Amino acid sequence: MASEELAQKLQRRLQLEESGAAVEGEAAAAGRGEEAAGDEAERSCLTASAGAELSAKLCRRQDINEGAAQPRRAAVFNPYTEFKEFSRRQIKDMERMFRLYDSGHDGYIDLMELKLMMEKLGAPQTHLGLKNMIKEVDEDFDGKLSFREFLLIFHKAAAGELEEDSGLLTLAKLSEIDVSIEGVKGAKNFFEAKVQALSSASKFEAEIKAEQDERKREEEERKHRRAAFRELKSAFTQ
């Protein structure tokens, strides 16, 4: 009797265990289904995102090819290596002039600042004329001049790439920056001859040395003035 009851209990437990295993199997299968659905949704989302990014890049490339946009440039550039036709002193003069008329101190010369600049140079321009001036060198289409775009004005003037009636050529001629000892029109031949006669590297080094020598001379003069002042002072205190 006891053995029969024990057998029934064992059979009952076996049935319960088999039933529990089946439930766990169903739950696991359901969980795998939900996980697969989640992975599929995530993949779909990523695919859509990648597709949108690729589409934007393709549109950007098409605009560049059609001339409706310009390739993005690095925010920082080296004017001494990019504009090798100008000396260090000329580029520094251009930078001082740029900062002088960048009254907003935001690193750009906007339409109103260019208007004031041309008026001070004695060649006022119309509103349309000012917009056309910016448009000639506005590579990023932001409607204002960065320092690099400002240097392009003198680069184009030196290369003879500006029309005679161009407001930018007027700016280059009226500025105090001497783009060439031969004048704006003869600058192209002047620069070509200079590049052939002297490499950019040696020219760069020579200018740095000249500046160092000038600073050394100024320091020596200051020392002499201080020594003379001390001698004069000691003469009065004796």
C-alpha atoms as a PDB file:
ATOM      1  CA  MET A   1       0.000   0.000   0.000  1.00  0.00           C
ATOM      2  CA  ALA A   2       2.755   2.323   1.032  1.00  0.00           C
ATOM      3  CA  SER A   3       4.732   1.483  -2.045  1.00  0.00           C
ATOM      4  CA  GLU A   4       1.701   2.225  -4.249  1.00  0.00           C
ATOM      5  CA  GLU A   5       1.198   5.640  -2.648  1.00  0.00           C
ATOM      6  CA  LEU A   6       4.885   6.381  -3.062  1.00  0.00           C
ATOM      7  CA  ALA A   7       4.684   5.423  -6.724  1.00  0.00           C
ATOM      8  CA  GLN A   8       1.693   7.755  -7.239  1.00  0.00           C
ATOM      9  CA  LYS A   9       3.527  10.631  -5.564  1.00  0.00           C
ATOM     10  CA  LEU A  10       6.604  10.093  -7.707  1.00  0.00           C
ATOM     11  CA  GLN A  11       4.461   9.972 -10.813  1.00  0.00           C
ATOM     12  CA  ARG A  12       2.683  13.160  -9.750  1.00  0.00           C
ATOM     13  CA  ARG A  13       5.988  14.996  -9.169  1.00  0.00           C
ATOM     14  CA  LEU A  14       7.290  13.803 -12.511  1.00  0.00           C
ATOM     15  CA  GLN A  15       4.203  15.218 -14.221  1.00  0.00           C
ATOM     16  CA  LEU A  16       4.609  18.551 -12.423  1.00  0.00           C
ATOM     17  CA  GLU A  17       8.279  18.788 -13.417  1.00  0.00           C
ATOM     18  CA  GLU A  18       7.479  17.987 -17.033  1.00  0.00           C
ATOM     19  CA  SER A  19       4.711  20.597 -17.013  1.00  0.00           C
ATOM     20  CA  GLY A  20       7.075  23.232 -15.520  1.00  0.00           C
ATOM     21  CA  ALA A  21       9.747  22.493 -18.099  1.00  0.00           C
ATOM     22  CA  ALA A  22       7.217  22.956 -20.872  1.00  0.00           C
ATOM     23  CA  VAL A  23       6.145  26.329 -19.441  1.00  0.00           C
ATOM     24  CA  GLU A  24       9.756  27.463 -19.154  1.00  0.00           C
ATOM     25  CA  GLY A  25      10.355  26.367 -22.733  1.00  0.00           C
ATOM     26  CA  GLU A  26       7.390  28.386 -23.942  1.00  0.00           C
ATOM     27  CA  ALA A  27       8.537  31.437 -21.946  1.00  0.00           C
ATOM     28  CA  ALA A  28      12.060  31.126 -23.288  1.00  0.00           C
ATOM     29  CA  ALA A  29      10.759  30.845 -26.818  1.00  0.00           C
ATOM     30  CA  ALA A  30       8.599  33.892 -26.292  1.00  0.00           C
ATOM     31  CA  GLY A  31      11.568  35.788 -24.846  1.00  0.00           C
ATOM     32  CA  ARG A  32      13.719  34.855 -27.830  1.00  0.00           C
ATOM     33  CA  GLY A  33      10.961  36.034 -30.120  1.00  0.00           C
ATOM     34  CA  GLU A  34      10.752  39.396 -28.369  1.00  0.00           C
ATOM     35  CA  GLU A  35      14.547  39.738 -28.424  1.00  0.00           C
ATOM     36  CA  ALA A  36      14.648  38.928 -32.122  1.00  0.00           C
ATOM     37  CA  ALA A  37      11.904  41.462 -32.752  1.00  0.00           C
ATOM     38  CA  GLY A  38      13.866  44.068 -30.766  1.00  0.00           C
ATOM     39  CA  ASP A  39      17.052  43.313 -32.708  1.00  0.00           C
ATOM     40  CA  GLU A  40      15.147  43.587 -35.956  1.00  0.00           C
ATOM     41  CA  ALA A  41      13.668  46.941 -34.914  1.00  0.00           C
ATOM     42  CA  GLU A  42      17.102  48.206 -33.863  1.00  0.00           C
ATOM     43  CA  ARG A  43      18.630  47.067 -37.158  1.00  0.00           C
ATOM     44  CA  SER A  44      15.808  48.776 -39.030  1.00  0.00           C
ATOM     45  CA  CYS A  45      16.377  51.997 -37.095  1.00  0.00           C
ATOM     46  CA  LEU A  46      20.136  51.910 -37.725  1.00  0.00           C
ATOM     47  CA  THR A  47      19.579  51.184 -41.389  1.00  0.00           C
ATOM     48  CA  ALA A  48      17.219  54.144 -41.671  1.00  0.00           C
ATOM     49  CA  SER A  49      19.702  56.393 -39.865  1.00  0.00           C
ATOM     50  CA  ALA A  50      22.589  55.233 -42.052  1.00  0.00           C
ATOM     51  CA  GLY A  51      20.445  55.716 -45.129  1.00  0.00           C
ATOM     52  CA  ALA A  52      19.593  59.284 -44.144  1.00  0.00           C
ATOM     53  CA  GLU A  53      23.249  60.094 -43.413  1.00  0.00           C
ATOM     54  CA  LEU A  54      24.365  58.582 -46.709  1.00  0.00           C
ATOM     55  CA  SER A  55      21.645  60.477 -48.541  1.00  0.00           C
ATOM     56  CA  ALA A  56      22.775  63.756 -46.932  1.00  0.00           C
ATOM     57  CA  LYS A  57      26.391  63.085 -47.909  1.00  0.00           C
ATOM     58  CA  LEU A  58      25.398  62.276 -51.473  1.00  0.00           C
ATOM     59  CA  CYS A  59      23.341  65.473 -51.705  1.00  0.00           C
ATOM     60  CA  ARG A  60      26.260  67.472 -50.322  1.00  0.00           C
ATOM     61  CA  ARG A  61      28.634  65.909 -52.855  1.00  0.00           C
ATOM     62  CA  GLN A  62      26.198  66.636 -55.698  1.00  0.00           C
ATOM     63  CA  ASP A  63      25.934  70.302 -54.622  1.00  0.00           C
ATOM     64  CA  ILE A  64      29.734  70.583 -54.588  1.00  0.00           C
ATOM     65  CA  ASN A  65      29.998  69.007 -58.050  1.00  0.00           C
ATOM     66  CA  GLU A  66      27.368  71.373 -59.414  1.00  0.00           C
ATOM     67  CA  GLY A  67      29.056  74.399 -57.863  1.00  0.00           C
ATOM     68  CA  ALA A  68      26.195  75.113 -55.461  1.00  0.00           C
ATOM     69  CA  ALA A  69      28.405  74.462 -52.428  1.00  0.00           C
ATOM     70  CA  GLN A  70      32.072  74.447 -51.526  1.00  0.00           C
ATOM     71  CA  PRO A  71      33.987  71.696 -49.714  1.00  0.00           C
ATOM     72  CA  ARG A  72      34.281  72.378 -46.010  1.00  0.00           C
ATOM     73  CA  ARG A  73      37.669  73.679 -44.956  1.00  0.00           C
ATOM     74  CA  ALA A  74      39.434  73.256 -41.682  1.00  0.00           C
ATOM     75  CA  ALA A  75      38.648  76.007 -39.162  1.00  0.00           C
ATOM     76  CA  VAL A  76      42.328  76.691 -38.669  1.00  0.00           C
ATOM     77  CA  PHE A  77      44.681  77.335 -41.561  1.00  0.00           C
ATOM     78  CA  ASN A  78      48.242  78.551 -41.916  1.00  0.00           C
ATOM     79  CA  PRO A  79      48.314  81.689 -44.087  1.00  0.00           C
ATOM     80  CA  TYR A  80      52.103  81.527 -44.410  1.00  0.00           C
ATOM     81  CA  THR A  81      52.013  78.151 -46.163  1.00  0.00           C
ATOM     82  CA  GLU A  82      48.766  78.644 -48.094  1.00  0.00           C
ATOM     83  CA  PHE A  83      49.583  82.134 -49.397  1.00  0.00           C
ATOM     84  CA  LYS A  84      53.276  81.684 -50.135  1.00  0.00           C
ATOM     85  CA  GLU A  85      53.371  84.570 -52.611  1.00  0.00           C
ATOM     86  CA  PHE A  86      53.128  87.028 -49.707  1.00  0.00           C
ATOM     87  CA  SER A  87      55.852  87.753 -47.186  1.00  0.00           C
ATOM     88  CA  ARG A  88      55.312  87.391 -43.454  1.00  0.00           C
ATOM     89  CA  ARG A  89      55.250  91.169 -43.093  1.00  0.00           C
ATOM     90  CA  GLN A  90      52.588  91.546 -45.791  1.00  0.00           C
ATOM     91  CA  ILE A  91      50.379  88.891 -44.188  1.00  0.00           C
ATOM     92  CA  LYS A  92      50.778  90.566 -40.794  1.00  0.00           C
ATOM     93  CA  ASP A  93      49.793  93.890 -42.361  1.00  0.00           C
ATOM     94  CA  MET A  94      46.706  92.250 -43.853  1.00  0.00           C
ATOM     95  CA  GLU A  95      45.847  90.715 -40.491  1.00  0.00           C
ATOM     96  CA  ARG A  96      46.135  94.102 -38.750  1.00  0.00           C
ATOM     97  CA  MET A  97      43.904  95.663 -41.401  1.00  0.00           C
ATOM     98  CA  PHE A  98      41.377  92.834 -41.052  1.00  0.00           C
ATOM     99  CA  ARG A  99      41.230  93.234 -37.272  1.00  0.00           C
ATOM    100  CA  LEU A 100      40.911  96.996 -37.611  1.00  0.00           C
ATOM    101  CA  TYR A 101      37.690  96.697 -39.620  1.00  0.00           C
ATOM    102  CA  ASP A 102      36.362  93.650 -37.750  1.00  0.00           C
ATOM    103  CA  SER A 103      34.637  95.954 -35.290  1.00  0.00           C
ATOM    104  CA  GLY A 104      32.495  93.110 -33.936  1.00  0.00           C
ATOM    105  CA  HIS A 105      35.655  91.130 -33.056  1.00  0.00           C
ATOM    106  CA  ASP A 106      33.992  87.916 -34.232  1.00  0.00           C
ATOM    107  CA  GLY A 107      36.630  86.945 -36.794  1.00  0.00           C
ATOM    108  CA  TYR A 108      34.557  88.141 -39.780  1.00  0.00           C
ATOM    109  CA  ILE A 109      33.976  91.317 -41.782  1.00  0.00           C
ATOM    110  CA  ASP A 110      30.264  91.511 -42.474  1.00  0.00           C
ATOM    111  CA  LEU A 111      28.392  93.700 -44.961  1.00  0.00           C
ATOM    112  CA  MET A 112      28.184  96.766 -42.709  1.00  0.00           C
ATOM    113  CA  GLU A 113      31.837  96.498 -41.669  1.00  0.00           C
ATOM    114  CA  LEU A 114      32.856  96.241 -45.334  1.00  0.00           C
ATOM    115  CA  LYS A 115      30.695  99.281 -46.067  1.00  0.00           C
ATOM    116  CA  LEU A 116      32.535 101.282 -43.393  1.00  0.00           C
ATOM    117  CA  MET A 117      35.879  99.996 -44.669  1.00  0.00           C
ATOM    118  CA  MET A 118      35.240 101.129 -48.246  1.00  0.00           C
ATOM    119  CA  GLU A 119      33.999 104.515 -47.036  1.00  0.00           C
ATOM    120  CA  LYS A 120      37.182 105.050 -45.014  1.00  0.00           C
ATOM    121  CA  LEU A 121      39.253 104.070 -48.038  1.00  0.00           C
ATOM    122  CA  GLY A 122      37.442 106.763 -50.021  1.00  0.00           C
ATOM    123  CA  ALA A 123      35.579 104.375 -52.342  1.00  0.00           C
ATOM    124  CA  PRO A 124      32.016 103.964 -51.014  1.00  0.00           C
ATOM    125  CA  GLN A 125      29.985 101.204 -52.620  1.00  0.00           C
ATOM    126  CA  THR A 126      26.283 100.569 -53.112  1.00  0.00           C
ATOM    127  CA  HIS A 127      24.556  97.861 -51.118  1.00  0.00           C
ATOM    128  CA  LEU A 128      24.507  95.625 -54.200  1.00  0.00           C
ATOM    129  CA  GLY A 129      28.152  96.411 -54.907  1.00  0.00           C
ATOM    130  CA  LEU A 130      29.145  95.364 -51.387  1.00  0.00           C
ATOM    131  CA  LYS A 131      27.214  92.105 -51.711  1.00  0.00           C
ATOM    132  CA  ASN A 132      28.943  91.376 -55.016  1.00  0.00           C
ATOM    133  CA  MET A 133      32.330  92.075 -53.439  1.00  0.00           C
ATOM    134  CA  ILE A 134      31.702  89.504 -50.728  1.00  0.00           C
ATOM    135  CA  LYS A 135      30.268  87.043 -53.241  1.00  0.00           C
ATOM    136  CA  GLU A 136      33.504  87.064 -55.281  1.00  0.00           C
ATOM    137  CA  VAL A 137      35.489  85.420 -52.466  1.00  0.00           C
ATOM    138  CA  ASP A 138      32.756  83.996 -50.211  1.00  0.00           C
ATOM    139  CA  GLU A 139      33.675  80.303 -50.333  1.00  0.00           C
ATOM    140  CA  ASP A 140      31.303  79.111 -47.605  1.00  0.00           C
ATOM    141  CA  PHE A 141      28.328  81.258 -48.702  1.00  0.00           C
ATOM    142  CA  ASP A 142      27.842  82.796 -45.243  1.00  0.00           C
ATOM    143  CA  GLY A 143      27.608  86.362 -46.563  1.00  0.00           C
ATOM    144  CA  LYS A 144      30.711  87.668 -44.769  1.00  0.00           C
ATOM    145  CA  LEU A 145      34.492  87.587 -45.058  1.00  0.00           C
ATOM    146  CA  SER A 146      36.718  85.359 -42.966  1.00  0.00           C
ATOM    147  CA  PHE A 147      40.422  86.195 -42.705  1.00  0.00           C
ATOM    148  CA  ARG A 148      41.215  83.540 -45.323  1.00  0.00           C
ATOM    149  CA  GLU A 149      38.649  85.041 -47.712  1.00  0.00           C
ATOM    150  CA  PHE A 150      40.101  88.487 -46.986  1.00  0.00           C
ATOM    151  CA  LEU A 151      43.541  87.196 -48.022  1.00  0.00           C
ATOM    152  CA  LEU A 152      41.963  85.836 -51.208  1.00  0.00           C
ATOM    153  CA  ILE A 153      41.205  89.415 -52.240  1.00  0.00           C
ATOM    154  CA  PHE A 154      44.915  90.253 -52.373  1.00  0.00           C
ATOM    155  CA  HIS A 155      45.771  86.832 -53.791  1.00  0.00           C
ATOM    156  CA  LYS A 156      43.380  87.392 -56.700  1.00  0.00           C
ATOM    157  CA  ALA A 157      44.582  90.974 -57.136  1.00  0.00           C
ATOM    158  CA  ALA A 158      48.224  89.854 -57.261  1.00  0.00           C
ATOM    159  CA  ALA A 159      47.359  87.089 -59.739  1.00  0.00           C
ATOM    160  CA  GLY A 160      45.436  89.494 -61.998  1.00  0.00           C
ATOM    161  CA  GLU A 161      42.185  87.586 -61.481  1.00  0.00           C
ATOM    162  CA  LEU A 162      40.002  90.596 -60.652  1.00  0.00           C
ATOM    163  CA  GLU A 163      38.150  92.731 -63.185  1.00  0.00           C
ATOM    164  CA  GLU A 164      39.103  96.390 -63.521  1.00  0.00           C
ATOM    165  CA  ASP A 165      35.686  97.503 -62.259  1.00  0.00           C
ATOM    166  CA  SER A 166      35.748  95.057 -59.344  1.00  0.00           C
ATOM    167  CA  GLY A 167      35.214  96.592 -55.925  1.00  0.00           C
ATOM    168  CA  LEU A 168      37.762  94.131 -54.557  1.00  0.00           C
ATOM    169  CA  LEU A 169      40.441  95.430 -56.920  1.00  0.00           C
ATOM    170  CA  THR A 170      39.631  98.932 -55.706  1.00  0.00           C
ATOM    171  CA  LEU A 171      40.022  97.730 -52.132  1.00  0.00           C
ATOM    172  CA  ALA A 172      43.397  96.139 -52.917  1.00  0.00           C
ATOM    173  CA  LYS A 173      44.658  99.275 -54.681  1.00  0.00           C
ATOM    174  CA  LEU A 174      43.519 101.706 -51.989  1.00  0.00           C
ATOM    175  CA  SER A 175      44.702  99.682 -49.007  1.00  0.00           C
ATOM    176  CA  GLU A 176      48.016 100.520 -47.387  1.00  0.00           C
ATOM    177  CA  ILE A 177      49.214  96.956 -48.044  1.00  0.00           C
ATOM    178  CA  ASP A 178      51.851  96.890 -50.775  1.00  0.00           C
ATOM    179  CA  VAL A 179      51.080  93.561 -52.474  1.00  0.00           C
ATOM    180  CA  SER A 180      54.012  94.042 -54.826  1.00  0.00           C
ATOM    181  CA  ILE A 181      56.696  96.603 -55.514  1.00  0.00           C
ATOM    182  CA  GLU A 182      55.559  96.411 -59.146  1.00  0.00           C
ATOM    183  CA  GLY A 183      51.968  97.357 -58.331  1.00  0.00           C
ATOM    184  CA  VAL A 184      48.856  95.219 -58.480  1.00  0.00           C
ATOM    185  CA  LYS A 185      48.887  94.672 -62.258  1.00  0.00           C
ATOM    186  CA  GLY A 186      52.514  93.600 -62.379  1.00  0.00           C
ATOM    187  CA  ALA A 187      52.333  91.496 -59.255  1.00  0.00           C
ATOM    188  CA  LYS A 188      51.889  88.198 -61.082  1.00  0.00           C
ATOM    189  CA  ASN A 189      55.201  88.410 -62.956  1.00  0.00           C
ATOM    190  CA  PHE A 190      56.918  89.786 -59.885  1.00  0.00           C
ATOM    191  CA  PHE A 191      55.796  86.883 -57.701  1.00  0.00           C
ATOM    192  CA  GLU A 192      56.650  84.270 -60.326  1.00  0.00           C
ATOM    193  CA  ALA A 193      60.190  85.645 -60.646  1.00  0.00           C
ATOM    194  CA  LYS A 194      60.551  85.848 -56.894  1.00  0.00           C
ATOM    195  CA  VAL A 195      59.413  82.265 -56.360  1.00  0.00           C
ATOM    196  CA  GLN A 196      61.920  81.040 -58.926  1.00  0.00           C
ATOM    197  CA  ALA A 197      64.753  83.019 -57.382  1.00  0.00           C
ATOM    198  CA  LEU A 198      64.076  82.186 -53.761  1.00  0.00           C
ATOM    199  CA  SER A 199      62.412  79.137 -52.246  1.00  0.00           C
ATOM    200  CA  SER A 200      59.583  79.682 -49.805  1.00  0.00           C
ATOM    201  CA  ALA A 201      61.451  77.960 -46.997  1.00  0.00           C
ATOM    202  CA  SER A 202      64.576  80.108 -47.275  1.00  0.00           C
ATOM    203  CA  LYS A 203      62.464  83.252 -47.623  1.00  0.00           C
ATOM    204  CA  PHE A 204      60.528  82.300 -44.504  1.00  0.00           C
ATOM    205  CA  GLU A 205      63.725  81.669 -42.537  1.00  0.00           C
ATOM    206  CA  ALA A 206      65.305  84.910 -43.761  1.00  0.00           C
ATOM    207  CA  GLU A 207      62.289  86.938 -42.629  1.00  0.00           C
ATOM    208  CA  ILE A 208      62.270  85.291 -39.214  1.00  0.00           C
ATOM    209  CA  LYS A 209      65.988  86.031 -38.815  1.00  0.00           C
ATOM    210  CA  ALA A 210      65.437  89.652 -39.851  1.00  0.00           C
ATOM    211  CA  GLU A 211      62.705  90.013 -37.244  1.00  0.00           C
ATOM    212  CA  GLN A 212      64.913  88.429 -34.583  1.00  0.00           C
ATOM    213  CA  ASP A 213      67.784  90.766 -35.479  1.00  0.00           C
ATOM    214  CA  GLU A 214      65.453  93.740 -35.279  1.00  0.00           C
ATOM    215  CA  ARG A 215      64.197  92.681 -31.832  1.00  0.00           C
ATOM    216  CA  LYS A 216      67.807  92.163 -30.705  1.00  0.00           C
ATOM    217  CA  ARG A 217      68.757  95.625 -31.912  1.00  0.00           C
ATOM    218  CA  GLU A 218      65.789  97.178 -30.102  1.00  0.00           C
ATOM    219  CA  GLU A 219      66.738  95.349 -26.902  1.00  0.00           C
ATOM    220  CA  GLU A 220      70.326  96.619 -27.167  1.00  0.00           C
ATOM    221  CA  GLU A 221      69.028 100.170 -27.600  1.00  0.00           C
ATOM    222  CA  ARG A 222      66.837  99.785 -24.511  1.00  0.00           C
ATOM    223  CA  LYS A 223      69.854  98.553 -22.528  1.00  0.00           C
ATOM    224  CA  HIS A 224      71.919 101.553 -23.615  1.00  0.00           C
ATOM    225  CA  ARG A 225      69.106 103.929 -22.669  1.00  0.00           C
ATOM    226  CA  ARG A 226      68.737 102.305 -19.244  1.00  0.00           C
ATOM    227  CA  ALA A 227      72.510 102.479 -18.679  1.00  0.00           C
ATOM    228  CA  ALA A 228      72.591 106.137 -19.697  1.00  0.00           C
ATOM    229  CA  PHE A 229      69.669 106.852 -17.360  1.00  0.00           C
ATOM    230  CA  ARG A 230      71.448 105.142 -14.450  1.00  0.00           C
ATOM    231  CA  GLU A 231      74.619 107.154 -15.100  1.00  0.00           C
ATOM    232  CA  LEU A 232      72.608 110.369 -15.207  1.00  0.00           C
ATOM    233  CA  LYS A 233      70.773 109.423 -12.037  1.00  0.00           C
ATOM    234  CA  SER A 234      74.005 108.581 -10.186  1.00  0.00           C
ATOM    235  CA  ALA A 235      75.496 111.926 -11.236  1.00  0.00           C
ATOM    236  CA  PHE A 236      72.628 113.773  -9.536  1.00  0.00           C
ATOM    237  CA  THR A 237      72.747 111.653  -6.384  1.00  0.00           C
ATOM    238  CA  GLN A 238      76.487 112.174  -5.725  1.00  0.00           C
END
